[in-house]
N, C-alpha and C. Protein backbone atom coordinates (compact mmCIF):
# COMPACT_ATOMS: atom_id res chain seq x y z
N MET A 1 -13.42 -13.63 -8.16
CA MET A 1 -14.56 -12.72 -8.01
C MET A 1 -15.24 -12.93 -6.65
N SER A 2 -15.70 -11.85 -6.05
CA SER A 2 -16.39 -12.01 -4.78
C SER A 2 -17.83 -12.38 -4.99
N VAL A 3 -18.32 -13.24 -4.11
CA VAL A 3 -19.73 -13.67 -4.19
C VAL A 3 -20.33 -13.56 -2.82
N ASN A 4 -21.67 -13.74 -2.76
CA ASN A 4 -22.36 -13.75 -1.48
C ASN A 4 -22.10 -12.55 -0.62
N HIS A 5 -21.97 -11.38 -1.27
CA HIS A 5 -21.82 -10.09 -0.54
C HIS A 5 -20.53 -10.06 0.27
N GLU A 6 -19.52 -10.76 -0.15
CA GLU A 6 -18.22 -10.68 0.52
C GLU A 6 -17.58 -9.30 0.21
N GLY A 7 -16.67 -8.89 1.13
CA GLY A 7 -16.01 -7.65 0.89
C GLY A 7 -14.96 -7.75 -0.21
N ILE A 8 -14.44 -6.62 -0.63
CA ILE A 8 -13.37 -6.59 -1.63
C ILE A 8 -12.08 -6.14 -0.98
N ILE A 9 -10.99 -6.45 -1.65
CA ILE A 9 -9.65 -6.04 -1.23
C ILE A 9 -9.18 -4.92 -2.16
N ALA A 10 -8.76 -3.81 -1.54
CA ALA A 10 -8.10 -2.74 -2.29
C ALA A 10 -6.68 -2.61 -1.74
N ILE A 11 -5.67 -2.60 -2.64
CA ILE A 11 -4.32 -2.50 -2.21
C ILE A 11 -3.68 -1.23 -2.77
N LEU A 12 -3.11 -0.42 -1.91
CA LEU A 12 -2.36 0.73 -2.30
C LEU A 12 -0.87 0.50 -2.03
N SER A 13 -0.06 0.67 -3.06
CA SER A 13 1.38 0.54 -2.93
C SER A 13 2.04 1.80 -3.49
N SER A 14 3.28 2.03 -3.07
CA SER A 14 4.04 3.15 -3.62
C SER A 14 5.47 3.04 -3.11
N PRO A 15 6.41 3.70 -3.79
CA PRO A 15 7.71 3.85 -3.14
C PRO A 15 7.56 4.65 -1.87
N SER A 16 8.44 4.45 -0.93
CA SER A 16 8.37 5.15 0.36
C SER A 16 8.31 6.68 0.14
N GLY A 17 7.34 7.32 0.78
CA GLY A 17 7.22 8.76 0.74
C GLY A 17 6.30 9.31 -0.36
N ALA A 18 5.66 8.45 -1.12
CA ALA A 18 4.78 8.93 -2.19
C ALA A 18 3.36 9.28 -1.68
N GLY A 19 3.05 8.95 -0.42
CA GLY A 19 1.78 9.39 0.15
C GLY A 19 0.68 8.33 0.27
N LYS A 20 1.02 7.07 0.13
CA LYS A 20 -0.01 6.04 0.16
C LYS A 20 -0.70 5.92 1.52
N THR A 21 0.04 6.08 2.60
CA THR A 21 -0.54 5.92 3.95
C THR A 21 -1.61 6.98 4.19
N SER A 22 -1.36 8.23 3.81
CA SER A 22 -2.37 9.31 3.98
C SER A 22 -3.58 9.02 3.13
N LEU A 23 -3.37 8.51 1.94
CA LEU A 23 -4.50 8.16 1.05
C LEU A 23 -5.33 7.03 1.61
N VAL A 24 -4.67 6.01 2.13
CA VAL A 24 -5.36 4.88 2.76
C VAL A 24 -6.25 5.36 3.91
N LYS A 25 -5.75 6.23 4.76
CA LYS A 25 -6.52 6.72 5.88
C LYS A 25 -7.70 7.54 5.43
N GLU A 26 -7.50 8.34 4.36
CA GLU A 26 -8.63 9.14 3.84
C GLU A 26 -9.71 8.28 3.22
N ILE A 27 -9.29 7.27 2.46
CA ILE A 27 -10.26 6.35 1.85
C ILE A 27 -11.02 5.60 2.92
N SER A 28 -10.36 5.15 3.97
CA SER A 28 -11.03 4.41 5.04
C SER A 28 -12.01 5.31 5.79
N SER A 29 -11.64 6.57 6.06
CA SER A 29 -12.49 7.42 6.88
C SER A 29 -13.73 7.90 6.13
N LYS A 30 -13.67 7.93 4.78
CA LYS A 30 -14.79 8.46 4.03
C LYS A 30 -15.58 7.36 3.27
N ASN A 31 -15.14 6.17 3.34
CA ASN A 31 -15.75 5.08 2.55
C ASN A 31 -15.83 3.83 3.44
N ASN A 32 -16.52 2.83 2.90
CA ASN A 32 -16.72 1.59 3.69
C ASN A 32 -15.53 0.68 3.53
N PHE A 33 -14.38 1.13 4.04
CA PHE A 33 -13.16 0.34 4.02
C PHE A 33 -12.49 0.28 5.40
N SER A 34 -12.13 -0.95 5.79
CA SER A 34 -11.41 -1.16 7.03
C SER A 34 -9.93 -1.31 6.69
N ILE A 35 -9.08 -0.60 7.39
CA ILE A 35 -7.64 -0.68 7.13
C ILE A 35 -7.07 -1.99 7.71
N SER A 36 -6.35 -2.69 6.90
CA SER A 36 -5.60 -3.87 7.40
C SER A 36 -4.38 -3.33 8.17
N ILE A 37 -4.35 -3.57 9.48
CA ILE A 37 -3.24 -3.08 10.25
C ILE A 37 -2.14 -4.13 10.29
N SER A 38 -1.00 -3.78 9.77
CA SER A 38 0.13 -4.71 9.64
C SER A 38 0.88 -4.86 10.96
N HIS A 39 1.45 -6.05 11.13
CA HIS A 39 2.44 -6.25 12.17
C HIS A 39 3.79 -5.78 11.63
N THR A 40 4.60 -5.20 12.49
CA THR A 40 5.96 -4.79 12.02
C THR A 40 6.96 -4.88 13.13
N THR A 41 8.21 -5.10 12.75
CA THR A 41 9.29 -5.17 13.73
C THR A 41 10.00 -3.81 13.87
N ARG A 42 9.62 -2.84 13.06
CA ARG A 42 10.30 -1.55 13.19
C ARG A 42 9.80 -0.76 14.37
N LYS A 43 10.57 0.15 14.85
CA LYS A 43 10.19 0.99 15.97
C LYS A 43 9.15 2.02 15.56
N PRO A 44 8.16 2.33 16.41
CA PRO A 44 7.14 3.32 16.05
C PRO A 44 7.73 4.73 15.93
N ARG A 45 7.18 5.50 14.99
CA ARG A 45 7.52 6.92 14.90
C ARG A 45 6.79 7.65 16.00
N SER A 46 7.17 8.89 16.23
CA SER A 46 6.62 9.65 17.35
C SER A 46 5.08 9.81 17.31
N ASN A 47 4.52 9.81 16.09
CA ASN A 47 3.07 10.02 15.98
C ASN A 47 2.29 8.72 15.82
N GLU A 48 2.92 7.58 15.97
CA GLU A 48 2.24 6.29 15.71
C GLU A 48 1.85 5.60 17.00
N ILE A 49 0.68 4.92 16.92
CA ILE A 49 0.09 4.26 18.07
C ILE A 49 0.00 2.77 17.81
N ASN A 50 0.42 1.95 18.75
CA ASN A 50 0.34 0.50 18.62
C ASN A 50 -1.13 0.07 18.54
N GLY A 51 -1.45 -0.78 17.57
CA GLY A 51 -2.82 -1.26 17.43
C GLY A 51 -3.71 -0.33 16.53
N VAL A 52 -3.15 0.86 16.24
CA VAL A 52 -3.90 1.79 15.37
C VAL A 52 -3.15 1.96 14.03
N ASP A 53 -1.84 2.25 14.09
CA ASP A 53 -1.05 2.38 12.90
C ASP A 53 -0.43 1.07 12.48
N TYR A 54 0.11 0.37 13.48
CA TYR A 54 0.71 -0.96 13.30
C TYR A 54 0.60 -1.74 14.59
N PHE A 55 0.83 -3.06 14.50
CA PHE A 55 1.04 -3.85 15.67
C PHE A 55 2.58 -3.99 15.77
N PHE A 56 3.19 -3.30 16.74
CA PHE A 56 4.66 -3.32 16.86
C PHE A 56 5.09 -4.51 17.67
N VAL A 57 5.89 -5.41 17.06
CA VAL A 57 6.29 -6.63 17.73
C VAL A 57 7.80 -6.86 17.57
N LYS A 58 8.35 -7.68 18.46
CA LYS A 58 9.77 -8.06 18.36
C LYS A 58 9.95 -9.02 17.21
N GLN A 59 11.18 -9.11 16.71
CA GLN A 59 11.48 -9.98 15.57
C GLN A 59 11.21 -11.44 15.85
N GLU A 60 11.47 -11.86 17.08
CA GLU A 60 11.24 -13.27 17.44
C GLU A 60 9.76 -13.60 17.30
N GLU A 61 8.90 -12.70 17.80
CA GLU A 61 7.46 -12.91 17.74
C GLU A 61 7.00 -12.95 16.27
N PHE A 62 7.54 -12.04 15.45
CA PHE A 62 7.18 -12.00 14.04
C PHE A 62 7.53 -13.34 13.36
N LYS A 63 8.73 -13.83 13.65
CA LYS A 63 9.15 -15.09 13.05
C LYS A 63 8.31 -16.27 13.48
N LYS A 64 7.82 -16.22 14.70
CA LYS A 64 6.90 -17.29 15.16
C LYS A 64 5.62 -17.26 14.38
N LEU A 65 5.08 -16.04 14.07
CA LEU A 65 3.87 -15.93 13.32
C LEU A 65 4.09 -16.42 11.87
N ILE A 66 5.28 -16.19 11.31
CA ILE A 66 5.60 -16.71 9.99
C ILE A 66 5.57 -18.23 9.99
N SER A 67 6.18 -18.83 11.00
CA SER A 67 6.24 -20.30 11.08
C SER A 67 4.87 -20.94 11.28
N LYS A 68 3.96 -20.19 11.89
CA LYS A 68 2.56 -20.68 12.08
C LYS A 68 1.68 -20.33 10.90
N LYS A 69 2.28 -19.73 9.84
CA LYS A 69 1.54 -19.33 8.64
C LYS A 69 0.37 -18.42 8.92
N LYS A 70 0.59 -17.45 9.79
CA LYS A 70 -0.47 -16.51 10.20
C LYS A 70 -0.60 -15.29 9.29
N PHE A 71 0.34 -15.14 8.37
CA PHE A 71 0.30 -13.93 7.50
C PHE A 71 -0.28 -14.24 6.11
N LEU A 72 -1.13 -13.31 5.65
CA LEU A 72 -1.60 -13.36 4.27
C LEU A 72 -0.46 -12.97 3.35
N GLU A 73 0.35 -12.03 3.83
CA GLU A 73 1.56 -11.60 3.08
C GLU A 73 2.52 -11.04 4.12
N TYR A 74 3.81 -11.11 3.82
CA TYR A 74 4.80 -10.43 4.65
C TYR A 74 6.02 -10.17 3.78
N ALA A 75 6.80 -9.12 4.22
CA ALA A 75 7.99 -8.74 3.45
C ALA A 75 8.98 -8.09 4.41
N LYS A 76 10.23 -8.12 3.96
CA LYS A 76 11.29 -7.42 4.70
C LYS A 76 11.64 -6.15 3.94
N VAL A 77 11.49 -5.00 4.59
CA VAL A 77 11.70 -3.72 3.96
C VAL A 77 12.61 -2.87 4.88
N PHE A 78 13.76 -2.43 4.34
CA PHE A 78 14.73 -1.64 5.13
C PHE A 78 15.04 -2.35 6.47
N ASN A 79 15.30 -3.63 6.38
CA ASN A 79 15.73 -4.46 7.55
C ASN A 79 14.64 -4.64 8.58
N ASN A 80 13.42 -4.31 8.27
CA ASN A 80 12.29 -4.55 9.18
C ASN A 80 11.23 -5.40 8.49
N PHE A 81 10.54 -6.27 9.26
CA PHE A 81 9.50 -7.12 8.70
C PHE A 81 8.13 -6.40 8.81
N TYR A 82 7.28 -6.64 7.82
CA TYR A 82 5.91 -6.16 7.80
C TYR A 82 5.01 -7.34 7.36
N GLY A 83 3.83 -7.50 7.99
CA GLY A 83 2.97 -8.60 7.60
C GLY A 83 1.52 -8.35 7.93
N SER A 84 0.60 -8.91 7.11
CA SER A 84 -0.82 -8.76 7.33
C SER A 84 -1.44 -10.05 7.84
N SER A 85 -2.21 -9.97 8.93
CA SER A 85 -2.83 -11.15 9.58
C SER A 85 -3.90 -11.77 8.67
N LYS A 86 -3.73 -13.01 8.37
CA LYS A 86 -4.67 -13.76 7.49
C LYS A 86 -6.05 -13.86 8.14
N ASP A 87 -6.14 -14.29 9.39
CA ASP A 87 -7.40 -14.50 10.08
C ASP A 87 -8.22 -13.21 10.19
N VAL A 88 -7.58 -12.11 10.58
CA VAL A 88 -8.26 -10.84 10.75
C VAL A 88 -8.88 -10.39 9.43
N VAL A 89 -8.07 -10.44 8.37
CA VAL A 89 -8.51 -9.99 7.05
C VAL A 89 -9.67 -10.81 6.52
N PHE A 90 -9.55 -12.16 6.58
CA PHE A 90 -10.58 -13.04 6.04
C PHE A 90 -11.90 -12.89 6.83
N ASN A 91 -11.80 -12.72 8.15
CA ASN A 91 -13.01 -12.51 8.95
C ASN A 91 -13.79 -11.29 8.55
N LYS A 92 -13.06 -10.22 8.27
CA LYS A 92 -13.73 -8.97 7.83
C LYS A 92 -14.37 -9.15 6.49
N LEU A 93 -13.62 -9.74 5.54
CA LEU A 93 -14.14 -9.91 4.20
C LEU A 93 -15.36 -10.79 4.17
N ASP A 94 -15.33 -11.87 4.95
CA ASP A 94 -16.47 -12.80 4.99
C ASP A 94 -17.71 -12.21 5.62
N LYS A 95 -17.52 -11.13 6.41
CA LYS A 95 -18.68 -10.41 7.00
C LYS A 95 -19.15 -9.27 6.14
N GLY A 96 -18.55 -9.16 4.92
CA GLY A 96 -18.97 -8.13 3.98
C GLY A 96 -18.22 -6.83 4.08
N GLU A 97 -17.20 -6.79 4.95
CA GLU A 97 -16.42 -5.54 5.09
C GLU A 97 -15.36 -5.48 3.97
N ASN A 98 -15.17 -4.31 3.40
CA ASN A 98 -14.09 -4.08 2.45
C ASN A 98 -12.81 -3.78 3.22
N VAL A 99 -11.69 -4.31 2.72
CA VAL A 99 -10.42 -4.13 3.44
C VAL A 99 -9.41 -3.46 2.51
N ILE A 100 -8.76 -2.40 3.01
CA ILE A 100 -7.73 -1.70 2.25
C ILE A 100 -6.34 -1.94 2.84
N PHE A 101 -5.40 -2.20 2.02
CA PHE A 101 -4.02 -2.52 2.43
C PHE A 101 -3.07 -1.39 2.06
N ASP A 102 -2.14 -1.10 2.97
CA ASP A 102 -1.06 -0.17 2.73
C ASP A 102 0.19 -1.03 2.77
N ILE A 103 0.55 -1.63 1.60
CA ILE A 103 1.67 -2.55 1.54
C ILE A 103 2.50 -2.31 0.29
N ASP A 104 3.70 -2.90 0.24
CA ASP A 104 4.56 -2.68 -0.93
C ASP A 104 4.29 -3.73 -2.02
N TRP A 105 5.07 -3.64 -3.06
CA TRP A 105 4.85 -4.53 -4.23
C TRP A 105 5.07 -6.00 -3.87
N GLN A 106 5.96 -6.28 -2.94
CA GLN A 106 6.25 -7.64 -2.57
C GLN A 106 4.96 -8.32 -1.97
N GLY A 107 4.35 -7.59 -1.04
CA GLY A 107 3.13 -8.11 -0.41
C GLY A 107 2.00 -8.24 -1.43
N THR A 108 1.91 -7.29 -2.33
CA THR A 108 0.89 -7.30 -3.37
C THR A 108 1.00 -8.58 -4.22
N GLU A 109 2.26 -8.86 -4.63
CA GLU A 109 2.48 -10.05 -5.43
C GLU A 109 2.10 -11.32 -4.70
N GLN A 110 2.39 -11.40 -3.43
CA GLN A 110 2.02 -12.56 -2.63
C GLN A 110 0.52 -12.78 -2.57
N ILE A 111 -0.22 -11.68 -2.34
CA ILE A 111 -1.68 -11.79 -2.26
C ILE A 111 -2.26 -12.20 -3.61
N LYS A 112 -1.77 -11.63 -4.68
CA LYS A 112 -2.27 -11.98 -6.04
C LYS A 112 -2.01 -13.43 -6.37
N LYS A 113 -0.86 -13.97 -5.98
CA LYS A 113 -0.53 -15.34 -6.29
C LYS A 113 -1.38 -16.36 -5.54
N LYS A 114 -2.02 -15.91 -4.42
CA LYS A 114 -2.81 -16.83 -3.63
C LYS A 114 -4.19 -17.13 -4.33
N LYS A 115 -4.53 -16.37 -5.33
CA LYS A 115 -5.78 -16.58 -6.10
C LYS A 115 -6.96 -16.72 -5.13
N LEU A 116 -7.17 -15.71 -4.36
CA LEU A 116 -8.27 -15.69 -3.37
C LEU A 116 -9.60 -15.58 -4.05
N LYS A 117 -10.67 -15.89 -3.34
CA LYS A 117 -12.02 -15.83 -3.89
C LYS A 117 -12.57 -14.41 -3.92
N TYR A 118 -11.84 -13.48 -3.27
CA TYR A 118 -12.31 -12.08 -3.16
C TYR A 118 -11.84 -11.25 -4.34
N LYS A 119 -12.62 -10.22 -4.70
CA LYS A 119 -12.19 -9.30 -5.73
C LYS A 119 -11.06 -8.43 -5.19
N ILE A 120 -10.01 -8.27 -5.99
CA ILE A 120 -8.85 -7.51 -5.61
C ILE A 120 -8.59 -6.36 -6.56
N ILE A 121 -8.42 -5.14 -6.02
CA ILE A 121 -8.10 -3.95 -6.82
C ILE A 121 -6.73 -3.45 -6.38
N THR A 122 -5.77 -3.31 -7.32
CA THR A 122 -4.42 -2.88 -6.97
C THR A 122 -4.14 -1.49 -7.56
N ILE A 123 -3.60 -0.62 -6.71
CA ILE A 123 -3.38 0.78 -7.12
C ILE A 123 -1.95 1.17 -6.69
N PHE A 124 -1.22 1.80 -7.62
CA PHE A 124 0.16 2.24 -7.36
C PHE A 124 0.23 3.74 -7.39
N ILE A 125 0.85 4.32 -6.35
CA ILE A 125 0.95 5.78 -6.19
C ILE A 125 2.38 6.25 -6.53
N LEU A 126 2.45 7.31 -7.40
CA LEU A 126 3.73 7.86 -7.76
C LEU A 126 3.89 9.29 -7.20
N PRO A 127 5.07 9.67 -6.82
CA PRO A 127 5.29 11.09 -6.42
C PRO A 127 5.33 12.00 -7.63
N PRO A 128 5.14 13.30 -7.45
CA PRO A 128 5.14 14.22 -8.59
C PRO A 128 6.53 14.46 -9.16
N SER A 129 7.60 14.34 -8.30
CA SER A 129 8.96 14.52 -8.77
C SER A 129 9.95 13.95 -7.77
N ARG A 130 11.18 13.78 -8.19
CA ARG A 130 12.24 13.30 -7.28
C ARG A 130 12.48 14.26 -6.16
N LYS A 131 12.48 15.54 -6.53
CA LYS A 131 12.74 16.61 -5.53
C LYS A 131 11.69 16.60 -4.45
N GLU A 132 10.44 16.51 -4.85
CA GLU A 132 9.33 16.52 -3.89
C GLU A 132 9.39 15.27 -3.02
N LEU A 133 9.71 14.13 -3.59
CA LEU A 133 9.83 12.90 -2.83
C LEU A 133 10.94 13.01 -1.77
N PHE A 134 12.08 13.53 -2.19
CA PHE A 134 13.19 13.69 -1.22
C PHE A 134 12.81 14.64 -0.08
N ASN A 135 12.12 15.72 -0.40
CA ASN A 135 11.68 16.63 0.65
C ASN A 135 10.70 15.99 1.60
N ARG A 136 9.77 15.17 1.09
CA ARG A 136 8.84 14.48 1.94
C ARG A 136 9.54 13.49 2.87
N LEU A 137 10.50 12.74 2.32
CA LEU A 137 11.27 11.79 3.11
C LEU A 137 12.07 12.51 4.20
N LEU A 138 12.68 13.66 3.83
CA LEU A 138 13.47 14.42 4.77
C LEU A 138 12.63 14.94 5.92
N ASN A 139 11.43 15.46 5.58
CA ASN A 139 10.55 15.98 6.62
C ASN A 139 10.00 14.86 7.52
N ARG A 140 9.69 13.70 6.90
CA ARG A 140 9.14 12.59 7.64
C ARG A 140 10.13 12.00 8.63
N ASP A 141 11.39 11.98 8.21
CA ASP A 141 12.43 11.37 9.08
C ASP A 141 13.17 12.43 9.89
N LEU A 142 12.44 13.49 10.21
CA LEU A 142 13.01 14.55 11.09
C LEU A 142 14.37 15.05 10.62
N LYS A 143 14.42 15.39 9.32
CA LYS A 143 15.63 15.93 8.69
C LYS A 143 16.80 14.97 8.70
N ASN A 144 16.53 13.66 8.78
CA ASN A 144 17.58 12.65 8.78
C ASN A 144 17.97 12.38 7.30
N GLU A 145 18.95 13.12 6.83
CA GLU A 145 19.36 13.02 5.43
C GLU A 145 19.87 11.65 5.04
N LYS A 146 20.55 10.99 5.94
CA LYS A 146 21.08 9.62 5.65
C LYS A 146 19.93 8.65 5.33
N ASN A 147 18.86 8.73 6.15
CA ASN A 147 17.71 7.84 5.88
C ASN A 147 17.02 8.22 4.60
N ALA A 148 16.88 9.47 4.34
CA ALA A 148 16.25 9.95 3.11
C ALA A 148 16.99 9.50 1.86
N VAL A 149 18.33 9.57 1.90
CA VAL A 149 19.16 9.12 0.78
C VAL A 149 19.03 7.64 0.57
N LYS A 150 18.98 6.89 1.66
CA LYS A 150 18.84 5.41 1.64
C LYS A 150 17.53 5.04 0.96
N ARG A 151 16.44 5.74 1.32
CA ARG A 151 15.12 5.46 0.76
C ARG A 151 15.05 5.88 -0.72
N MET A 152 15.76 6.92 -1.10
CA MET A 152 15.80 7.32 -2.51
C MET A 152 16.47 6.26 -3.37
N LYS A 153 17.49 5.59 -2.83
CA LYS A 153 18.15 4.50 -3.58
C LYS A 153 17.19 3.36 -3.77
N GLN A 154 16.39 3.06 -2.78
CA GLN A 154 15.42 1.98 -2.87
C GLN A 154 14.30 2.33 -3.85
N PHE A 155 14.01 3.63 -3.94
CA PHE A 155 12.90 4.12 -4.78
C PHE A 155 13.01 3.62 -6.23
N GLU A 156 14.22 3.65 -6.79
CA GLU A 156 14.40 3.23 -8.20
C GLU A 156 14.07 1.73 -8.39
N LYS A 157 14.30 0.95 -7.35
CA LYS A 157 14.00 -0.49 -7.41
C LYS A 157 12.48 -0.75 -7.29
N ASP A 158 11.85 0.12 -6.46
CA ASP A 158 10.40 -0.08 -6.23
C ASP A 158 9.50 0.42 -7.33
N VAL A 159 9.90 1.55 -7.94
CA VAL A 159 9.02 2.23 -8.89
C VAL A 159 8.75 1.43 -10.17
N VAL A 160 9.71 0.56 -10.56
CA VAL A 160 9.55 -0.23 -11.75
C VAL A 160 8.36 -1.22 -11.69
N HIS A 161 7.84 -1.45 -10.52
CA HIS A 161 6.73 -2.42 -10.38
C HIS A 161 5.36 -1.83 -10.69
N TRP A 162 5.31 -0.57 -11.11
CA TRP A 162 4.01 0.07 -11.39
C TRP A 162 3.21 -0.66 -12.49
N LYS A 163 3.88 -1.32 -13.40
CA LYS A 163 3.24 -1.99 -14.54
C LYS A 163 2.31 -3.12 -14.12
N LYS A 164 2.53 -3.65 -12.90
CA LYS A 164 1.76 -4.82 -12.45
C LYS A 164 0.44 -4.45 -11.75
N TYR A 165 0.13 -3.13 -11.71
CA TYR A 165 -1.05 -2.68 -10.95
C TYR A 165 -2.19 -2.29 -11.89
N ASP A 166 -3.41 -2.37 -11.36
CA ASP A 166 -4.61 -2.06 -12.14
C ASP A 166 -4.72 -0.58 -12.46
N LEU A 167 -4.31 0.25 -11.50
CA LEU A 167 -4.38 1.69 -11.69
C LEU A 167 -3.08 2.32 -11.16
N VAL A 168 -2.57 3.34 -11.86
CA VAL A 168 -1.39 4.04 -11.39
C VAL A 168 -1.78 5.56 -11.40
N VAL A 169 -1.50 6.20 -10.24
CA VAL A 169 -1.90 7.63 -10.10
C VAL A 169 -0.69 8.42 -9.60
N ILE A 170 -0.53 9.60 -10.17
CA ILE A 170 0.50 10.56 -9.71
C ILE A 170 -0.07 11.41 -8.61
N ASN A 171 0.56 11.38 -7.47
CA ASN A 171 0.05 12.11 -6.30
C ASN A 171 0.64 13.54 -6.28
N ASP A 172 0.24 14.36 -7.29
CA ASP A 172 0.69 15.74 -7.36
C ASP A 172 -0.33 16.69 -6.69
N ASN A 173 -1.53 16.17 -6.45
CA ASN A 173 -2.54 16.90 -5.73
C ASN A 173 -3.38 15.88 -4.98
N PHE A 174 -3.36 15.98 -3.64
CA PHE A 174 -3.94 14.92 -2.81
C PHE A 174 -5.43 14.66 -3.10
N ASN A 175 -6.21 15.73 -3.21
CA ASN A 175 -7.64 15.57 -3.45
C ASN A 175 -7.96 14.95 -4.82
N LYS A 176 -7.20 15.41 -5.81
CA LYS A 176 -7.46 14.85 -7.16
C LYS A 176 -7.03 13.39 -7.23
N CYS A 177 -5.93 13.06 -6.54
CA CYS A 177 -5.45 11.70 -6.47
C CYS A 177 -6.49 10.82 -5.81
N TYR A 178 -7.02 11.28 -4.67
CA TYR A 178 -8.04 10.60 -3.95
C TYR A 178 -9.30 10.34 -4.81
N ASP A 179 -9.72 11.41 -5.50
CA ASP A 179 -10.91 11.26 -6.33
C ASP A 179 -10.74 10.23 -7.45
N LYS A 180 -9.59 10.21 -8.06
CA LYS A 180 -9.30 9.22 -9.11
C LYS A 180 -9.37 7.79 -8.57
N ILE A 181 -8.82 7.62 -7.39
CA ILE A 181 -8.80 6.27 -6.81
C ILE A 181 -10.23 5.81 -6.46
N ILE A 182 -10.99 6.69 -5.83
CA ILE A 182 -12.39 6.35 -5.46
C ILE A 182 -13.26 6.08 -6.72
N LYS A 183 -13.07 6.89 -7.74
CA LYS A 183 -13.79 6.67 -9.00
C LYS A 183 -13.45 5.28 -9.59
N TYR A 184 -12.17 4.94 -9.54
CA TYR A 184 -11.76 3.66 -10.09
C TYR A 184 -12.30 2.50 -9.25
N ILE A 185 -12.22 2.60 -7.94
CA ILE A 185 -12.72 1.56 -7.05
C ILE A 185 -14.22 1.35 -7.26
N ASN A 186 -14.99 2.43 -7.32
CA ASN A 186 -16.42 2.32 -7.51
C ASN A 186 -16.78 1.71 -8.86
N SER A 187 -16.06 2.12 -9.88
CA SER A 187 -16.30 1.53 -11.21
C SER A 187 -16.01 0.05 -11.24
N THR A 188 -14.91 -0.36 -10.62
CA THR A 188 -14.50 -1.78 -10.60
C THR A 188 -15.51 -2.59 -9.81
N LYS A 189 -15.94 -2.05 -8.67
CA LYS A 189 -16.96 -2.75 -7.85
C LYS A 189 -18.23 -3.00 -8.65
N ASN A 190 -18.54 -2.06 -9.54
CA ASN A 190 -19.76 -2.19 -10.38
C ASN A 190 -19.48 -2.83 -11.71
N ASN A 191 -18.29 -3.48 -11.82
CA ASN A 191 -17.88 -4.18 -13.04
C ASN A 191 -17.84 -3.33 -14.25
N VAL A 192 -17.51 -2.03 -14.07
CA VAL A 192 -17.30 -1.13 -15.22
C VAL A 192 -15.80 -0.98 -15.47
N SER A 193 -15.39 -1.17 -16.71
CA SER A 193 -13.98 -1.16 -17.02
C SER A 193 -13.44 0.26 -17.10
N GLU A 194 -12.39 0.56 -16.36
CA GLU A 194 -11.75 1.87 -16.37
C GLU A 194 -10.28 1.69 -16.79
N SER A 195 -9.72 2.64 -17.48
CA SER A 195 -8.32 2.58 -17.86
C SER A 195 -7.61 3.89 -17.53
N TYR A 196 -6.28 3.88 -17.65
CA TYR A 196 -5.53 5.12 -17.44
C TYR A 196 -4.47 5.23 -18.55
N ASP A 197 -3.89 6.41 -18.68
CA ASP A 197 -2.95 6.67 -19.75
C ASP A 197 -1.56 6.09 -19.39
N LYS A 198 -1.27 4.89 -19.87
CA LYS A 198 -0.02 4.22 -19.53
C LYS A 198 1.19 4.91 -20.10
N ASN A 199 1.01 5.57 -21.28
CA ASN A 199 2.13 6.28 -21.89
C ASN A 199 2.56 7.48 -21.04
N GLU A 200 1.54 8.18 -20.48
CA GLU A 200 1.81 9.30 -19.59
C GLU A 200 2.57 8.85 -18.36
N ILE A 201 2.14 7.74 -17.79
CA ILE A 201 2.79 7.18 -16.59
C ILE A 201 4.20 6.75 -16.92
N ARG A 202 4.36 6.09 -18.05
CA ARG A 202 5.71 5.61 -18.44
C ARG A 202 6.66 6.77 -18.56
N LYS A 203 6.27 7.87 -19.19
CA LYS A 203 7.14 9.06 -19.33
C LYS A 203 7.45 9.65 -17.97
N HIS A 204 6.45 9.63 -17.09
CA HIS A 204 6.64 10.23 -15.74
C HIS A 204 7.67 9.38 -14.97
N VAL A 205 7.55 8.07 -15.06
CA VAL A 205 8.50 7.18 -14.38
C VAL A 205 9.93 7.36 -14.90
N ILE A 206 10.05 7.50 -16.21
CA ILE A 206 11.40 7.75 -16.83
C ILE A 206 12.01 9.02 -16.25
N ASN A 207 11.20 10.06 -16.11
CA ASN A 207 11.69 11.33 -15.52
C ASN A 207 12.05 11.17 -14.05
N LEU A 208 11.31 10.31 -13.34
CA LEU A 208 11.59 10.07 -11.94
C LEU A 208 12.92 9.40 -11.68
N ILE A 209 13.31 8.51 -12.60
CA ILE A 209 14.53 7.74 -12.36
C ILE A 209 15.76 8.25 -13.13
N LYS A 210 15.63 9.40 -13.77
CA LYS A 210 16.76 9.97 -14.51
C LYS A 210 17.87 10.39 -13.52
């Protein structure tokens, strides 16, 4: 539990292409949340800026940061490393800033296992359908069908981790999805218990992996 007006941690995870990055940016721009900017060894996409979307580094530099225990969490995804800076995150939280993470289930598990003194809210985002997810991946990767197919194969491995999250939301309408997340975060911050329909989510996941 957070004390002394420390910030809280909100984590958004999803299979690739479900829309978590857009949601993280929207939550940050409209609420008191600072985005945790990850280090990554992957190459930037055409619309990404170093120091804004990610800190783009070489693999050797990333491995040095691992050896110096500089990451709160890190993971290897699609042959690239991603990691969140421990010092940057803790400094913000200790100053009362809320921090939101755009990370996968591996990073989420690492943060939860550390049993930090800060309040942590975990949220998992699901796509509305397999077809919609494939179209999003295809459009994002500039019609690179090979990449989209590769990510769809990973999808079935990632989606099963939804059960470990505090809230699971289907991103079939961006604004409704955003509203549900903000309502849940505000309720949790105020120590009000919120729940969601796990049976509905379970049926949706079964349809997604058929």
